[in-house]
PDB file of N, CA and C in Angstrom:
ATOM      1  N   GLN A   1      11.118  55.700 -22.941  1.00  0.00           N
ATOM      2  CA  GLN A   1      10.104  55.687 -23.022  1.00  0.00           C
ATOM      3  C   GLN A   1      10.229  57.045 -23.056  1.00  0.00           C
ATOM      4  N   CYS A   2       8.997  57.775 -24.426  1.00  0.00           N
ATOM      5  CA  CYS A   2       8.772  59.115 -24.723  1.00  0.00           C
ATOM      6  C   CYS A   2       7.764  59.092 -25.059  1.00  0.00           C
ATOM      7  N   THR A   3       7.303  60.813 -24.565  1.00  0.00           N
ATOM      8  CA  THR A   3       5.871  61.276 -25.020  1.00  0.00           C
ATOM      9  C   THR A   3       6.258  62.105 -26.131  1.00  0.00           C
ATOM     10  N   PHE A   4       5.475  61.744 -27.404  1.00  0.00           N
ATOM     11  CA  PHE A   4       5.479  62.397 -28.218  1.00  0.00           C
ATOM     12  C   PHE A   4       4.452  63.319 -28.933  1.00  0.00           C
ATOM     13  N   LEU A   5       4.149  64.643 -28.650  1.00  0.00           N
ATOM     14  CA  LEU A   5       3.333  65.540 -28.724  1.00  0.00           C
ATOM     15  C   LEU A   5       3.577  66.431 -29.184  1.00  0.00           C
ATOM     16  N   ASN A   6       4.107  67.030 -29.143  1.00  0.00           N
ATOM     17  CA  ASN A   6       4.294  68.448 -29.946  1.00  0.00           C
ATOM     18  C   ASN A   6       5.201  69.117 -30.786  1.00  0.00           C
ATOM     19  N   GLN A   7       5.564  68.310 -32.089  1.00  0.00           N
ATOM     20  CA  GLN A   7       7.389  68.197 -32.256  1.00  0.00           C
ATOM     21  C   GLN A   7       6.729  69.339 -33.434  1.00  0.00           C
ATOM     22  N   GLY A   8       7.504  69.956 -33.953  1.00  0.00           N
ATOM     23  CA  GLY A   8       7.418  70.861 -34.866  1.00  0.00           C
ATOM     24  C   GLY A   8       8.130  70.507 -36.529  1.00  0.00           C
ATOM     25  N   GLY A   9       7.859  71.424 -37.177  1.00  0.00           N
ATOM     26  CA  GLY A   9       7.993  71.154 -38.212  1.00  0.00           C
ATOM     27  C   GLY A   9       7.155  70.566 -39.389  1.00  0.00           C
ATOM     28  N   ALA A  10       6.999  70.245 -40.577  1.00  0.00           N
ATOM     29  CA  ALA A  10       5.995  70.191 -41.893  1.00  0.00           C
ATOM     30  C   ALA A  10       5.086  68.784 -41.117  1.00  0.00           C
ATOM     31  N   ALA A  11       4.022  68.700 -40.762  1.00  0.00           N
ATOM     32  CA  ALA A  11       3.125  67.645 -40.750  1.00  0.00           C
ATOM     33  C   ALA A  11       3.928  66.443 -41.799  1.00  0.00           C
ATOM     34  N   GLU A  12       4.170  66.379 -42.524  1.00  0.00           N
ATOM     35  CA  GLU A  12       4.805  64.919 -43.503  1.00  0.00           C
ATOM     36  C   GLU A  12       5.659  65.227 -42.793  1.00  0.00           C
ATOM     37  N   LEU A  13       6.329  65.374 -41.725  1.00  0.00           N
ATOM     38  CA  LEU A  13       7.313  64.838 -41.550  1.00  0.00           C
ATOM     39  C   LEU A  13       7.427  63.646 -40.096  1.00  0.00           C
ATOM     40  N   PHE A  14       8.321  62.383 -40.219  1.00  0.00           N
ATOM     41  CA  PHE A  14       8.345  61.195 -39.222  1.00  0.00           C
ATOM     42  C   PHE A  14       9.153  61.759 -38.172  1.00  0.00           C
ATOM     43  N   THR A  15       7.736  61.311 -37.154  1.00  0.00           N
ATOM     44  CA  THR A  15       7.989  61.661 -35.706  1.00  0.00           C
ATOM     45  C   THR A  15       9.615  60.912 -35.316  1.00  0.00           C
ATOM     46  N   ILE A  16      10.091  60.265 -35.538  1.00  0.00           N
ATOM     47  CA  ILE A  16      11.003  58.398 -35.754  1.00  0.00           C
ATOM     48  C   ILE A  16      11.531  58.536 -36.857  1.00  0.00           C
ATOM     49  N   ASP A  17      12.471  59.074 -37.454  1.00  0.00           N
ATOM     50  CA  ASP A  17      13.250  58.630 -38.939  1.00  0.00           C
ATOM     51  C   ASP A  17      14.578  58.368 -38.752  1.00  0.00           C
ATOM     52  N   ALA A  18      14.674  56.485 -38.200  1.00  0.00           N
ATOM     53  CA  ALA A  18      15.342  55.637 -37.906  1.00  0.00           C
ATOM     54  C   ALA A  18      16.581  55.594 -39.586  1.00  0.00           C
ATOM     55  N   LEU A  19      17.587  56.373 -39.980  1.00  0.00           N
ATOM     56  CA  LEU A  19      18.184  56.051 -41.321  1.00  0.00           C
ATOM     57  C   LEU A  19      19.564  54.553 -41.117  1.00  0.00           C
ATOM     58  N   SER A  20      19.726  54.221 -40.206  1.00  0.00           N
ATOM     59  CA  SER A  20      20.755  52.985 -40.347  1.00  0.00           C
ATOM     60  C   SER A  20      20.876  52.741 -38.387  1.00  0.00           C
ATOM     61  N   GLY A  21      21.861  51.533 -38.206  1.00  0.00           N
ATOM     62  CA  GLY A  21      22.151  50.814 -37.053  1.00  0.00           C
ATOM     63  C   GLY A  21      20.819  49.745 -37.003  1.00  0.00           C
ATOM     64  N   ASP A  22      20.585  49.632 -35.647  1.00  0.00           N
ATOM     65  CA  ASP A  22      19.903  49.124 -34.528  1.00  0.00           C
ATOM     66  C   ASP A  22      18.891  49.960 -33.514  1.00  0.00           C
ATOM     67  N   ILE A  23      17.521  49.699 -34.106  1.00  0.00           N
ATOM     68  CA  ILE A  23      16.775  50.910 -32.809  1.00  0.00           C
ATOM     69  C   ILE A  23      15.821  49.726 -31.666  1.00  0.00           C
ATOM     70  N   ASN A  24      15.528  50.581 -31.202  1.00  0.00           N
ATOM     71  CA  ASN A  24      14.512  50.249 -29.888  1.00  0.00           C
ATOM     72  C   ASN A  24      13.573  51.182 -29.612  1.00  0.00           C
ATOM     73  N   ILE A  25      12.545  50.981 -29.975  1.00  0.00           N
ATOM     74  CA  ILE A  25      11.357  52.035 -29.407  1.00  0.00           C
ATOM     75  C   ILE A  25      10.408  51.464 -29.002  1.00  0.00           C
ATOM     76  N   SER A  26      10.318  52.037 -27.386  1.00  0.00           N
ATOM     77  CA  SER A  26       9.510  51.060 -26.565  1.00  0.00           C
ATOM     78  C   SER A  26       9.029  52.395 -25.948  1.00  0.00           C
ATOM     79  N   ASN A  27       7.120  51.485 -25.216  1.00  0.00           N
ATOM     80  CA  ASN A  27       6.725  52.019 -24.300  1.00  0.00           C
ATOM     81  C   ASN A  27       6.442  53.559 -24.571  1.00  0.00           C
ATOM     82  N   SER A  28       6.490  54.028 -25.969  1.00  0.00           N
ATOM     83  CA  SER A  28       6.430  55.705 -26.239  1.00  0.00           C
ATOM     84  C   SER A  28       5.139  55.676 -26.613  1.00  0.00           C
ATOM     85  N   ARG A  29       4.746  57.568 -26.282  1.00  0.00           N
ATOM     86  CA  ARG A  29       3.371  57.750 -26.995  1.00  0.00           C
ATOM     87  C   ARG A  29       3.411  58.253 -28.151  1.00  0.00           C
ATOM     88  N   PHE A  30       2.878  57.829 -29.230  1.00  0.00           N
ATOM     89  CA  PHE A  30       2.460  59.077 -30.265  1.00  0.00           C
ATOM     90  C   PHE A  30       1.453  59.458 -30.155  1.00  0.00           C
ATOM     91  N   TRP A  31       0.844  60.537 -30.044  1.00  0.00           N
ATOM     92  CA  TRP A  31       0.068  61.817 -29.675  1.00  0.00           C
ATOM     93  C   TRP A  31      -0.593  62.462 -31.131  1.00  0.00           C
ATOM     94  N   MET A  32       0.229  63.030 -31.498  1.00  0.00           N
ATOM     95  CA  MET A  32       0.294  63.557 -32.890  1.00  0.00           C
ATOM     96  C   MET A  32      -0.275  62.834 -34.216  1.00  0.00           C
ATOM     97  N   GLN A  33      -1.078  63.457 -35.058  1.00  0.00           N
ATOM     98  CA  GLN A  33      -1.667  62.980 -36.126  1.00  0.00           C
ATOM     99  C   GLN A  33      -0.794  63.586 -37.581  1.00  0.00           C
ATOM    100  N   ARG A  34       0.445  62.576 -37.605  1.00  0.00           N
ATOM    101  CA  ARG A  34       1.260  62.600 -38.854  1.00  0.00           C
ATOM    102  C   ARG A  34       2.255  61.125 -38.824  1.00  0.00           C
ATOM    103  N   PRO A  35       2.475  60.865 -39.921  1.00  0.00           N
ATOM    104  CA  PRO A  35       3.584  59.758 -39.822  1.00  0.00           C
ATOM    105  C   PRO A  35       4.533  59.757 -38.650  1.00  0.00           C
ATOM    106  N   ASP A  36       4.575  58.013 -37.882  1.00  0.00           N
ATOM    107  CA  ASP A  36       4.998  58.050 -36.569  1.00  0.00           C
ATOM    108  C   ASP A  36       6.397  57.909 -36.580  1.00  0.00           C
ATOM    109  N   ILE A  37       6.604  56.190 -37.324  1.00  0.00           N
ATOM    110  CA  ILE A  37       7.835  56.072 -37.551  1.00  0.00           C
ATOM    111  C   ILE A  37       8.524  55.515 -38.755  1.00  0.00           C
ATOM    112  N   ARG A  38       9.517  55.584 -39.589  1.00  0.00           N
ATOM    113  CA  ARG A  38      10.262  55.519 -40.895  1.00  0.00           C
ATOM    114  C   ARG A  38      11.059  54.569 -40.196  1.00  0.00           C
ATOM    115  N   LEU A  39      11.643  52.980 -40.993  1.00  0.00           N
ATOM    116  CA  LEU A  39      13.085  52.942 -41.310  1.00  0.00           C
ATOM    117  C   LEU A  39      14.030  52.672 -42.291  1.00  0.00           C
ATOM    118  N   GLY A  40      14.443  53.136 -42.190  1.00  0.00           N
ATOM    119  CA  GLY A  40      14.931  53.546 -43.480  1.00  0.00           C
ATOM    120  C   GLY A  40      16.326  52.028 -44.142  1.00  0.00           C
ATOM    121  N   LYS A  41      16.838  52.301 -45.103  1.00  0.00           N
ATOM    122  CA  LYS A  41      16.858  50.721 -46.057  1.00  0.00           C
ATOM    123  C   LYS A  41      18.241  50.556 -44.730  1.00  0.00           C
ATOM    124  N   SER A  42      18.938  51.046 -44.248  1.00  0.00           N
ATOM    125  CA  SER A  42      20.425  50.384 -44.038  1.00  0.00           C
ATOM    126  C   SER A  42      20.206  50.537 -42.289  1.00  0.00           C
ATOM    127  N   VAL A  43      18.732  50.042 -41.519  1.00  0.00           N
ATOM    128  CA  VAL A  43      18.683  49.494 -40.529  1.00  0.00           C
ATOM    129  C   VAL A  43      18.567  48.196 -39.718  1.00  0.00           C
ATOM    130  N   THR A  44      19.617  47.794 -39.261  1.00  0.00           N
ATOM    131  CA  THR A  44      19.832  46.063 -39.571  1.00  0.00           C
ATOM    132  C   THR A  44      19.087  46.086 -38.323  1.00  0.00           C
ATOM    133  N   THR A  45      18.824  46.025 -37.459  1.00  0.00           N
ATOM    134  CA  THR A  45      17.475  45.857 -36.519  1.00  0.00           C
ATOM    135  C   THR A  45      17.238  46.704 -36.069  1.00  0.00           C
ATOM    136  N   ALA A  46      15.412  46.236 -35.860  1.00  0.00           N
ATOM    137  CA  ALA A  46      14.456  47.074 -35.289  1.00  0.00           C
ATOM    138  C   ALA A  46      13.468  46.259 -34.048  1.00  0.00           C
ATOM    139  N   VAL A  47      13.373  47.027 -32.974  1.00  0.00           N
ATOM    140  CA  VAL A  47      12.048  46.370 -32.474  1.00  0.00           C
ATOM    141  C   VAL A  47      11.277  47.165 -31.999  1.00  0.00           C
ATOM    142  N   ILE A  48      10.398  47.070 -32.128  1.00  0.00           N
ATOM    143  CA  ILE A  48       9.097  48.218 -31.387  1.00  0.00           C
ATOM    144  C   ILE A  48       7.564  47.402 -30.906  1.00  0.00           C
ATOM    145  N   SER A  49       7.616  48.001 -30.028  1.00  0.00           N
ATOM    146  CA  SER A  49       6.804  47.356 -28.991  1.00  0.00           C
ATOM    147  C   SER A  49       6.697  48.329 -27.461  1.00  0.00           C
ATOM    148  N   GLY A  50       5.290  47.968 -27.659  1.00  0.00           N
ATOM    149  CA  GLY A  50       4.847  48.213 -25.945  1.00  0.00           C
ATOM    150  C   GLY A  50       4.249  49.976 -26.115  1.00  0.00           C
ATOM    151  N   ASN A  51       4.067  50.604 -27.587  1.00  0.00           N
ATOM    152  CA  ASN A  51       3.578  51.827 -27.684  1.00  0.00           C
ATOM    153  C   ASN A  51       2.256  52.298 -28.049  1.00  0.00           C
ATOM    154  N   ARG A  52       1.939  53.692 -27.684  1.00  0.00           N
ATOM    155  CA  ARG A  52       0.810  54.077 -27.501  1.00  0.00           C
ATOM    156  C   ARG A  52       0.347  54.861 -28.957  1.00  0.00           C
ATOM    157  N   PHE A  53      -0.463  54.666 -29.810  1.00  0.00           N
ATOM    158  CA  PHE A  53      -0.670  55.491 -30.777  1.00  0.00           C
ATOM    159  C   PHE A  53      -2.083  56.304 -31.148  1.00  0.00           C
ATOM    160  N   LYS A  54      -2.046  57.182 -31.435  1.00  0.00           N
ATOM    161  CA  LYS A  54      -3.285  58.271 -31.352  1.00  0.00           C
ATOM    162  C   LYS A  54      -3.851  57.815 -32.721  1.00  0.00           C
ATOM    163  N   GLY A  55      -5.357  57.564 -32.366  1.00  0.00           N
ATOM    164  CA  GLY A  55      -6.099  57.349 -34.527  1.00  0.00           C
ATOM    165  C   GLY A  55      -5.647  56.245 -34.959  1.00  0.00           C
ATOM    166  N   SER A  56      -4.511  56.773 -35.268  1.00  0.00           N
ATOM    167  CA  SER A  56      -4.140  55.301 -36.351  1.00  0.00           C
ATOM    168  C   SER A  56      -2.341  55.396 -35.976  1.00  0.00           C
ATOM    169  N   LYS A  57      -2.047  54.124 -36.902  1.00  0.00           N
ATOM    170  CA  LYS A  57      -0.723  53.566 -36.510  1.00  0.00           C
ATOM    171  C   LYS A  57       0.224  53.734 -37.589  1.00  0.00           C
ATOM    172  N   GLN A  58       1.213  54.761 -37.812  1.00  0.00           N
ATOM    173  CA  GLN A  58       2.122  55.385 -38.940  1.00  0.00           C
ATOM    174  C   GLN A  58       3.301  54.556 -38.761  1.00  0.00           C
ATOM    175  N   ILE A  59       3.765  53.463 -39.244  1.00  0.00           N
ATOM    176  CA  ILE A  59       4.776  52.723 -39.984  1.00  0.00           C
ATOM    177  C   ILE A  59       5.452  52.584 -40.640  1.00  0.00           C
ATOM    178  N   THR A  60       6.353  52.408 -41.340  1.00  0.00           N
ATOM    179  CA  THR A  60       6.992  52.902 -42.955  1.00  0.00           C
ATOM    180  C   THR A  60       8.359  52.076 -42.559  1.00  0.00           C
ATOM    181  N   ASN A  61       8.039  50.886 -43.170  1.00  0.00           N
ATOM    182  CA  ASN A  61       9.542  50.281 -43.285  1.00  0.00           C
ATOM    183  C   ASN A  61      10.177  49.323 -44.766  1.00  0.00           C
ATOM    184  N   GLU A  62      10.975  50.413 -44.537  1.00  0.00           N
ATOM    185  CA  GLU A  62      12.054  50.214 -45.494  1.00  0.00           C
ATOM    186  C   GLU A  62      13.678  48.985 -45.255  1.00  0.00           C
ATOM    187  N   SER A  63      13.602  49.025 -44.389  1.00  0.00           N
ATOM    188  CA  SER A  63      14.546  48.099 -43.866  1.00  0.00           C
ATOM    189  C   SER A  63      14.281  46.623 -44.605  1.00  0.00           C
ATOM    190  N   ASP A  64      15.431  46.358 -44.904  1.00  0.00           N
ATOM    191  CA  ASP A  64      15.340  44.712 -44.929  1.00  0.00           C
ATOM    192  C   ASP A  64      15.974  43.582 -44.153  1.00  0.00           C
ATOM    193  N   GLY A  65      16.493  44.539 -42.667  1.00  0.00           N
ATOM    194  CA  GLY A  65      16.790  43.289 -41.654  1.00  0.00           C
ATOM    195  C   GLY A  65      15.662  42.885 -40.672  1.00  0.00           C
ATOM    196  N   ASP A  66      16.175  42.052 -39.622  1.00  0.00           N
ATOM    197  CA  ASP A  66      15.406  42.000 -38.964  1.00  0.00           C
ATOM    198  C   ASP A  66      14.445  43.170 -38.187  1.00  0.00           C
ATOM    199  N   VAL A  67      12.998  43.549 -38.352  1.00  0.00           N
ATOM    200  CA  VAL A  67      12.013  43.958 -37.588  1.00  0.00           C
ATOM    201  C   VAL A  67      11.084  42.974 -36.817  1.00  0.00           C
ATOM    202  N   GLN A  68      11.300  43.083 -35.368  1.00  0.00           N
ATOM    203  CA  GLN A  68      10.079  42.636 -34.283  1.00  0.00           C
ATOM    204  C   GLN A  68       8.978  44.173 -34.331  1.00  0.00           C
ATOM    205  N   GLU A  69       7.566  43.703 -34.332  1.00  0.00           N
ATOM    206  CA  GLU A  69       6.730  44.988 -33.975  1.00  0.00           C
ATOM    207  C   GLU A  69       5.522  43.943 -32.976  1.00  0.00           C
ATOM    208  N   GLY A  70       5.605  44.260 -32.244  1.00  0.00           N
ATOM    209  CA  GLY A  70       4.363  43.906 -31.321  1.00  0.00           C
ATOM    210  C   GLY A  70       3.526  44.335 -30.261  1.00  0.00           C
ATOM    211  N   LEU A  71       2.288  44.011 -30.202  1.00  0.00           N
ATOM    212  CA  LEU A  71       2.416  44.626 -28.020  1.00  0.00           C
ATOM    213  C   LEU A  71       1.901  46.744 -28.371  1.00  0.00           C
ATOM    214  N   ASN A  72       1.852  46.685 -29.524  1.00  0.00           N
ATOM    215  CA  ASN A  72       1.347  47.903 -29.564  1.00  0.00           C
ATOM    216  C   ASN A  72      -0.327  48.420 -29.680  1.00  0.00           C
ATOM    217  N   VAL A  73      -0.775  49.413 -29.357  1.00  0.00           N
ATOM    218  CA  VAL A  73      -1.944  50.282 -29.185  1.00  0.00           C
ATOM    219  C   VAL A  73      -2.484  51.378 -30.301  1.00  0.00           C
ATOM    220  N   ILE A  74      -3.531  51.422 -30.258  1.00  0.00           N
ATOM    221  CA  ILE A  74      -4.081  52.706 -31.141  1.00  0.00           C
ATOM    222  C   ILE A  74      -5.484  53.033 -29.864  1.00  0.00           C
ATOM    223  N   ALA A  75      -5.303  54.180 -29.888  1.00  0.00           N
ATOM    224  CA  ALA A  75      -6.502  54.612 -28.898  1.00  0.00           C
ATOM    225  C   ALA A  75      -7.189  56.114 -30.100  1.00  0.00           C
ATOM    226  N   LYS A  76      -8.238  55.547 -30.312  1.00  0.00           N
ATOM    227  CA  LYS A  76      -9.653  55.682 -31.548  1.00  0.00           C
ATOM    228  C   LYS A  76      -9.840  56.897 -30.901  1.00  0.00           C
TER     229      LYS A  76
END
């Protein structure tokens, strides 16, 4: 569980850039208007659930693995 509010770096960078392995992103808040999550080709499994996004939800999935996403909300 994390709140992403003031992360630095260029605005086009992803808040979470998962390159490989297994990842579980749950109950987090993505409050910045920037790309939120990228799953790279070598990500084998991912669960993205119960998160809050502000304005839009920007998830890029390049993985061929088992990726499950649900129960996320967007605050407009």
